[in-house]
Amino acid sequence: MTAKDLHFYEPKNGHGLKHDPFNAIVAPRPIGWISSRDAKGSVNLAPYSFFNAFCYVPPVIGFSSTNWKDSVANIQDTGEFVWNLATMDLAKHMNATAAHVARDVDEFKLAGLTPVPGKLVNVPRVAESPVSFECKVSQIVQLQGADGKKAEAWLTLGEVVAVYIDKAFIKDGVYQTGLAHPIVRAGRRGDYFEIKPENMFEMIRPD
């Protein structure tokens, strides 16, 4: 591959394409479908496209929010949140919770979902989701560039303290990712992928 075969750009000067390729290249990404509760008890449910797991011991997950949104404000106030797995069956419900609504609107009701009280946190999980993680916040970090300039984005990290898994997706003691048909974010505003069992292949690391 030669230089003429490559599209090169410096992000600070723009990408020169119809759509910013950054999101499409760092993809697919699992969806951070986050439920939280504010200090007064109002519940929030919202999806975030920048989400992942970062540590095994302790198990830590995190999501990044562009701008200071209700989820981050709630988590800062209470120190708790729940992550819910977004699947193909729940795609339209998940998308409904992405609507920009007033702070006092209950997204569970808006999307026709059932809240179930947490066991170790005072935040509900989505009953219809096959997997949920109850989390205690460990860090909320405002992101910044290499020059130290603060970005209008906050990374929320939390330790997973309780896990719920639909037993239908556990075979011979192993959780089967593809059986749940999770959906993941692609590049553009409305692009997603569905993970299916037939998409999996095995490749063992060399010793």
C-alpha atoms as a PDB file:
ATOM      1  CA  MET A   1       0.000   0.000   0.000  1.00  0.00           C
ATOM      2  CA  THR A   2       1.484   3.310  -1.088  1.00  0.00           C
ATOM      3  CA  ALA A   3       0.821   6.870   0.031  1.00  0.00           C
ATOM      4  CA  LYS A   4      -1.479   7.458  -2.946  1.00  0.00           C
ATOM      5  CA  ASP A   5      -3.702   4.608  -1.722  1.00  0.00           C
ATOM      6  CA  LEU A   6      -4.217   6.229   1.670  1.00  0.00           C
ATOM      7  CA  HIS A   7      -6.592   8.968   2.759  1.00  0.00           C
ATOM      8  CA  PHE A   8      -4.555  10.961   5.282  1.00  0.00           C
ATOM      9  CA  TYR A   9      -5.777  13.752   7.509  1.00  0.00           C
ATOM     10  CA  GLU A  10      -5.061  15.515  10.787  1.00  0.00           C
ATOM     11  CA  PRO A  11      -8.268  15.620  12.879  1.00  0.00           C
ATOM     12  CA  LYS A  12      -7.651  19.203  13.980  1.00  0.00           C
ATOM     13  CA  ASN A  13      -7.889  20.268  10.322  1.00  0.00           C
ATOM     14  CA  GLY A  14     -10.972  18.215   9.444  1.00  0.00           C
ATOM     15  CA  HIS A  15     -11.319  14.808   7.807  1.00  0.00           C
ATOM     16  CA  GLY A  16     -12.314  15.847   4.279  1.00  0.00           C
ATOM     17  CA  LEU A  17     -14.977  13.158   3.965  1.00  0.00           C
ATOM     18  CA  LYS A  18     -18.772  13.150   3.913  1.00  0.00           C
ATOM     19  CA  HIS A  19     -18.866  11.739   7.449  1.00  0.00           C
ATOM     20  CA  ASP A  20     -16.238  11.610  10.194  1.00  0.00           C
ATOM     21  CA  PRO A  21     -14.706   8.098   9.862  1.00  0.00           C
ATOM     22  CA  PHE A  22     -13.501   7.936  13.480  1.00  0.00           C
ATOM     23  CA  ASN A  23     -16.683   6.316  14.804  1.00  0.00           C
ATOM     24  CA  ALA A  24     -16.837   3.882  11.891  1.00  0.00           C
ATOM     25  CA  ILE A  25     -13.214   2.786  12.298  1.00  0.00           C
ATOM     26  CA  VAL A  26     -13.364   2.264  16.057  1.00  0.00           C
ATOM     27  CA  ALA A  27     -16.328  -0.057  15.616  1.00  0.00           C
ATOM     28  CA  PRO A  28     -18.425  -1.943  16.261  1.00  0.00           C
ATOM     29  CA  ARG A  29     -18.780  -0.804  19.845  1.00  0.00           C
ATOM     30  CA  PRO A  30     -21.019  -2.276  22.554  1.00  0.00           C
ATOM     31  CA  ILE A  31     -23.779   0.044  23.703  1.00  0.00           C
ATOM     32  CA  GLY A  32     -23.729   1.549  27.159  1.00  0.00           C
ATOM     33  CA  TRP A  33     -27.433   1.341  28.017  1.00  0.00           C
ATOM     34  CA  ILE A  34     -27.276   3.033  31.392  1.00  0.00           C
ATOM     35  CA  SER A  35     -29.966   3.324  34.029  1.00  0.00           C
ATOM     36  CA  SER A  36     -29.480   5.748  36.901  1.00  0.00           C
ATOM     37  CA  ARG A  37     -31.441   7.566  39.596  1.00  0.00           C
ATOM     38  CA  ASP A  38     -31.052  11.117  40.835  1.00  0.00           C
ATOM     39  CA  ALA A  39     -30.899  12.156  44.481  1.00  0.00           C
ATOM     40  CA  LYS A  40     -34.665  12.835  44.492  1.00  0.00           C
ATOM     41  CA  GLY A  41     -35.516   9.374  43.151  1.00  0.00           C
ATOM     42  CA  SER A  42     -36.268  10.154  39.496  1.00  0.00           C
ATOM     43  CA  VAL A  43     -35.065   7.414  37.139  1.00  0.00           C
ATOM     44  CA  ASN A  44     -33.147   7.875  33.886  1.00  0.00           C
ATOM     45  CA  LEU A  45     -32.363   5.381  31.109  1.00  0.00           C
ATOM     46  CA  ALA A  46     -30.146   6.316  28.158  1.00  0.00           C
ATOM     47  CA  PRO A  47     -27.806   4.688  25.602  1.00  0.00           C
ATOM     48  CA  TYR A  48     -24.176   5.710  25.060  1.00  0.00           C
ATOM     49  CA  SER A  49     -22.131   4.691  22.030  1.00  0.00           C
ATOM     50  CA  PHE A  50     -18.740   5.063  23.733  1.00  0.00           C
ATOM     51  CA  PHE A  51     -18.799   2.136  26.165  1.00  0.00           C
ATOM     52  CA  ASN A  52     -16.619  -0.832  27.095  1.00  0.00           C
ATOM     53  CA  ALA A  53     -15.044  -3.028  29.781  1.00  0.00           C
ATOM     54  CA  PHE A  54     -11.638  -2.013  31.113  1.00  0.00           C
ATOM     55  CA  CYS A  55     -10.572  -4.398  33.866  1.00  0.00           C
ATOM     56  CA  TYR A  56     -11.148  -7.971  35.088  1.00  0.00           C
ATOM     57  CA  VAL A  57     -10.191  -7.585  38.765  1.00  0.00           C
ATOM     58  CA  PRO A  58     -12.071  -5.683  39.898  1.00  0.00           C
ATOM     59  CA  PRO A  59     -14.503  -5.802  36.960  1.00  0.00           C
ATOM     60  CA  VAL A  60     -14.736  -2.228  35.669  1.00  0.00           C
ATOM     61  CA  ILE A  61     -16.898  -0.857  32.863  1.00  0.00           C
ATOM     62  CA  GLY A  62     -17.235   2.681  31.623  1.00  0.00           C
ATOM     63  CA  PHE A  63     -18.988   5.019  29.233  1.00  0.00           C
ATOM     64  CA  SER A  64     -18.171   8.439  27.873  1.00  0.00           C
ATOM     65  CA  SER A  65     -20.777  11.184  27.689  1.00  0.00           C
ATOM     66  CA  THR A  66     -20.420  14.126  25.342  1.00  0.00           C
ATOM     67  CA  ASN A  67     -21.588  17.068  27.458  1.00  0.00           C
ATOM     68  CA  TRP A  68     -22.691  16.804  31.080  1.00  0.00           C
ATOM     69  CA  LYS A  69     -25.892  14.763  30.753  1.00  0.00           C
ATOM     70  CA  ASP A  70     -28.478  13.489  33.217  1.00  0.00           C
ATOM     71  CA  SER A  71     -26.834  10.075  33.534  1.00  0.00           C
ATOM     72  CA  VAL A  72     -23.508  11.531  34.642  1.00  0.00           C
ATOM     73  CA  ALA A  73     -25.160  14.030  36.980  1.00  0.00           C
ATOM     74  CA  ASN A  74     -27.218  11.264  38.579  1.00  0.00           C
ATOM     75  CA  ILE A  75     -24.225   8.975  38.989  1.00  0.00           C
ATOM     76  CA  GLN A  76     -22.152  11.749  40.531  1.00  0.00           C
ATOM     77  CA  ASP A  77     -24.954  12.402  43.037  1.00  0.00           C
ATOM     78  CA  THR A  78     -25.671   8.782  44.000  1.00  0.00           C
ATOM     79  CA  GLY A  79     -22.498   6.872  43.082  1.00  0.00           C
ATOM     80  CA  GLU A  80     -24.487   4.085  41.400  1.00  0.00           C
ATOM     81  CA  PHE A  81     -25.691   2.942  37.984  1.00  0.00           C
ATOM     82  CA  VAL A  82     -26.759  -0.155  36.044  1.00  0.00           C
ATOM     83  CA  TRP A  83     -25.677  -1.274  32.598  1.00  0.00           C
ATOM     84  CA  ASN A  84     -28.228  -3.221  30.528  1.00  0.00           C
ATOM     85  CA  LEU A  85     -27.436  -5.308  27.441  1.00  0.00           C
ATOM     86  CA  ALA A  86     -29.122  -3.979  24.291  1.00  0.00           C
ATOM     87  CA  THR A  87     -30.233  -6.825  22.010  1.00  0.00           C
ATOM     88  CA  MET A  88     -31.900  -7.017  18.619  1.00  0.00           C
ATOM     89  CA  ASP A  89     -35.260  -7.662  20.289  1.00  0.00           C
ATOM     90  CA  LEU A  90     -34.814  -4.499  22.341  1.00  0.00           C
ATOM     91  CA  ALA A  91     -33.365  -2.269  19.610  1.00  0.00           C
ATOM     92  CA  LYS A  92     -36.450  -0.074  19.150  1.00  0.00           C
ATOM     93  CA  HIS A  93     -36.931   0.212  22.903  1.00  0.00           C
ATOM     94  CA  MET A  94     -33.294   1.213  23.338  1.00  0.00           C
ATOM     95  CA  ASN A  95     -33.576   3.781  20.567  1.00  0.00           C
ATOM     96  CA  ALA A  96     -36.663   5.285  22.214  1.00  0.00           C
ATOM     97  CA  THR A  97     -34.612   5.996  25.340  1.00  0.00           C
ATOM     98  CA  ALA A  98     -32.211   8.092  23.249  1.00  0.00           C
ATOM     99  CA  ALA A  99     -34.864  10.806  22.843  1.00  0.00           C
ATOM    100  CA  HIS A 100     -34.068  14.248  24.228  1.00  0.00           C
ATOM    101  CA  VAL A 101     -36.747  14.693  26.882  1.00  0.00           C
ATOM    102  CA  ALA A 102     -37.210  16.686  30.076  1.00  0.00           C
ATOM    103  CA  ARG A 103     -35.242  15.536  33.106  1.00  0.00           C
ATOM    104  CA  ASP A 104     -38.383  14.376  34.928  1.00  0.00           C
ATOM    105  CA  VAL A 105     -39.515  12.064  32.087  1.00  0.00           C
ATOM    106  CA  ASP A 106     -39.237   8.357  32.934  1.00  0.00           C
ATOM    107  CA  GLU A 107     -37.575   6.674  29.941  1.00  0.00           C
ATOM    108  CA  PHE A 108     -38.666   3.243  31.178  1.00  0.00           C
ATOM    109  CA  LYS A 109     -42.303   4.277  30.680  1.00  0.00           C
ATOM    110  CA  LEU A 110     -41.479   6.149  27.485  1.00  0.00           C
ATOM    111  CA  ALA A 111     -39.960   3.012  25.928  1.00  0.00           C
ATOM    112  CA  GLY A 112     -42.447   0.529  27.380  1.00  0.00           C
ATOM    113  CA  LEU A 113     -39.857  -1.178  29.574  1.00  0.00           C
ATOM    114  CA  THR A 114     -40.121  -2.686  33.034  1.00  0.00           C
ATOM    115  CA  PRO A 115     -37.893  -1.391  35.868  1.00  0.00           C
ATOM    116  CA  VAL A 116     -36.760  -3.963  38.427  1.00  0.00           C
ATOM    117  CA  PRO A 117     -35.217  -2.747  41.719  1.00  0.00           C
ATOM    118  CA  GLY A 118     -31.526  -3.426  42.184  1.00  0.00           C
ATOM    119  CA  LYS A 119     -30.188  -5.703  44.893  1.00  0.00           C
ATOM    120  CA  LEU A 120     -26.919  -3.939  45.720  1.00  0.00           C
ATOM    121  CA  VAL A 121     -27.697  -0.517  44.244  1.00  0.00           C
ATOM    122  CA  ASN A 122     -30.755   1.715  44.460  1.00  0.00           C
ATOM    123  CA  VAL A 123     -31.099   1.835  40.676  1.00  0.00           C
ATOM    124  CA  PRO A 124     -33.471  -0.279  38.553  1.00  0.00           C
ATOM    125  CA  ARG A 125     -32.364  -2.597  35.769  1.00  0.00           C
ATOM    126  CA  VAL A 126     -34.307  -3.291  32.567  1.00  0.00           C
ATOM    127  CA  ALA A 127     -36.309  -6.479  33.179  1.00  0.00           C
ATOM    128  CA  GLU A 128     -36.473  -7.270  29.462  1.00  0.00           C
ATOM    129  CA  SER A 129     -32.675  -7.176  29.059  1.00  0.00           C
ATOM    130  CA  PRO A 130     -30.985 -10.608  29.329  1.00  0.00           C
ATOM    131  CA  VAL A 131     -27.897  -9.216  31.067  1.00  0.00           C
ATOM    132  CA  SER A 132     -27.464  -6.383  33.560  1.00  0.00           C
ATOM    133  CA  PHE A 133     -24.559  -5.152  35.691  1.00  0.00           C
ATOM    134  CA  GLU A 134     -25.105  -3.248  38.921  1.00  0.00           C
ATOM    135  CA  CYS A 135     -22.233  -0.807  39.378  1.00  0.00           C
ATOM    136  CA  LYS A 136     -20.684   1.463  41.986  1.00  0.00           C
ATOM    137  CA  VAL A 137     -18.898   4.457  40.515  1.00  0.00           C
ATOM    138  CA  SER A 138     -15.123   4.483  40.860  1.00  0.00           C
ATOM    139  CA  GLN A 139     -14.164   7.535  38.791  1.00  0.00           C
ATOM    140  CA  ILE A 140     -15.692  10.330  36.752  1.00  0.00           C
ATOM    141  CA  VAL A 141     -13.008  11.905  34.593  1.00  0.00           C
ATOM    142  CA  GLN A 142     -13.301  14.934  32.339  1.00  0.00           C
ATOM    143  CA  LEU A 143     -11.382  14.054  29.182  1.00  0.00           C
ATOM    144  CA  GLN A 144      -8.728  16.305  27.717  1.00  0.00           C
ATOM    145  CA  GLY A 145      -6.500  16.605  24.667  1.00  0.00           C
ATOM    146  CA  ALA A 146      -2.730  16.159  24.491  1.00  0.00           C
ATOM    147  CA  ASP A 147      -2.408  19.898  25.061  1.00  0.00           C
ATOM    148  CA  GLY A 148      -4.246  19.634  28.367  1.00  0.00           C
ATOM    149  CA  LYS A 149      -7.324  21.459  27.069  1.00  0.00           C
ATOM    150  CA  LYS A 150     -10.476  20.079  28.662  1.00  0.00           C
ATOM    151  CA  ALA A 151     -13.033  18.432  26.375  1.00  0.00           C
ATOM    152  CA  GLU A 152     -16.786  18.613  26.876  1.00  0.00           C
ATOM    153  CA  ALA A 153     -16.817  14.866  27.558  1.00  0.00           C
ATOM    154  CA  TRP A 154     -16.797  12.823  30.753  1.00  0.00           C
ATOM    155  CA  LEU A 155     -15.701   9.207  31.222  1.00  0.00           C
ATOM    156  CA  THR A 156     -17.657   7.443  33.957  1.00  0.00           C
ATOM    157  CA  LEU A 157     -16.080   4.269  35.330  1.00  0.00           C
ATOM    158  CA  GLY A 158     -17.756   1.873  37.720  1.00  0.00           C
ATOM    159  CA  GLU A 159     -17.022  -1.399  39.472  1.00  0.00           C
ATOM    160  CA  VAL A 160     -19.471  -4.186  38.664  1.00  0.00           C
ATOM    161  CA  VAL A 161     -20.823  -5.408  42.015  1.00  0.00           C
ATOM    162  CA  ALA A 162     -23.709  -7.616  40.827  1.00  0.00           C
ATOM    163  CA  VAL A 163     -24.467  -9.464  37.590  1.00  0.00           C
ATOM    164  CA  TYR A 164     -27.746 -10.800  36.160  1.00  0.00           C
ATOM    165  CA  ILE A 165     -27.650 -13.280  33.221  1.00  0.00           C
ATOM    166  CA  ASP A 166     -30.565 -15.007  31.517  1.00  0.00           C
ATOM    167  CA  LYS A 167     -29.832 -18.722  32.001  1.00  0.00           C
ATOM    168  CA  ALA A 168     -31.003 -19.408  28.442  1.00  0.00           C
ATOM    169  CA  PHE A 169     -27.721 -17.949  27.215  1.00  0.00           C
ATOM    170  CA  ILE A 170     -25.467 -20.083  29.419  1.00  0.00           C
ATOM    171  CA  LYS A 171     -24.438 -23.398  27.826  1.00  0.00           C
ATOM    172  CA  ASP A 172     -22.178 -25.859  29.663  1.00  0.00           C
ATOM    173  CA  GLY A 173     -21.193 -23.115  32.075  1.00  0.00           C
ATOM    174  CA  VAL A 174     -20.192 -20.658  29.325  1.00  0.00           C
ATOM    175  CA  TYR A 175     -22.076 -17.466  28.428  1.00  0.00           C
ATOM    176  CA  GLN A 176     -22.884 -17.545  24.702  1.00  0.00           C
ATOM    177  CA  THR A 177     -22.486 -13.999  23.404  1.00  0.00           C
ATOM    178  CA  GLY A 178     -24.130 -14.563  20.036  1.00  0.00           C
ATOM    179  CA  LEU A 179     -27.255 -16.264  21.383  1.00  0.00           C
ATOM    180  CA  ALA A 180     -28.369 -12.991  22.951  1.00  0.00           C
ATOM    181  CA  HIS A 181     -28.072 -11.215  19.581  1.00  0.00           C
ATOM    182  CA  PRO A 182     -26.561  -8.033  21.046  1.00  0.00           C
ATOM    183  CA  ILE A 183     -26.544  -4.943  18.877  1.00  0.00           C
ATOM    184  CA  VAL A 184     -23.453  -2.770  18.550  1.00  0.00           C
ATOM    185  CA  ARG A 185     -22.810   0.716  17.225  1.00  0.00           C
ATOM    186  CA  ALA A 186     -21.307   1.259  13.811  1.00  0.00           C
ATOM    187  CA  GLY A 187     -20.217   4.573  12.359  1.00  0.00           C
ATOM    188  CA  ARG A 188     -22.913   6.940  11.240  1.00  0.00           C
ATOM    189  CA  ARG A 189     -25.790   8.277  13.299  1.00  0.00           C
ATOM    190  CA  GLY A 190     -28.203   5.406  12.625  1.00  0.00           C
ATOM    191  CA  ASP A 191     -25.839   2.514  11.843  1.00  0.00           C
ATOM    192  CA  TYR A 192     -25.751  -0.660  13.946  1.00  0.00           C
ATOM    193  CA  PHE A 193     -24.619  -4.269  13.643  1.00  0.00           C
ATOM    194  CA  GLU A 194     -26.216  -7.383  15.102  1.00  0.00           C
ATOM    195  CA  ILE A 195     -23.967 -10.091  16.577  1.00  0.00           C
ATOM    196  CA  LYS A 196     -25.115 -13.615  15.700  1.00  0.00           C
ATOM    197  CA  PRO A 197     -23.748 -17.057  16.665  1.00  0.00           C
ATOM    198  CA  GLU A 198     -22.626 -17.721  13.080  1.00  0.00           C
ATOM    199  CA  ASN A 199     -20.387 -14.628  13.157  1.00  0.00           C
ATOM    200  CA  MET A 200     -18.047 -16.218  15.694  1.00  0.00           C
ATOM    201  CA  PHE A 201     -14.738 -17.882  14.865  1.00  0.00           C
ATOM    202  CA  GLU A 202     -12.100 -19.308  17.186  1.00  0.00           C
ATOM    203  CA  MET A 203      -8.417 -18.373  17.138  1.00  0.00           C
ATOM    204  CA  ILE A 204      -6.151 -19.471  19.988  1.00  0.00           C
ATOM    205  CA  ARG A 205      -3.199 -17.279  20.937  1.00  0.00           C
ATOM    206  CA  PRO A 206       0.232 -18.838  20.388  1.00  0.00           C
ATOM    207  CA  ASP A 207       2.143 -19.972  23.489  1.00  0.00           C
END
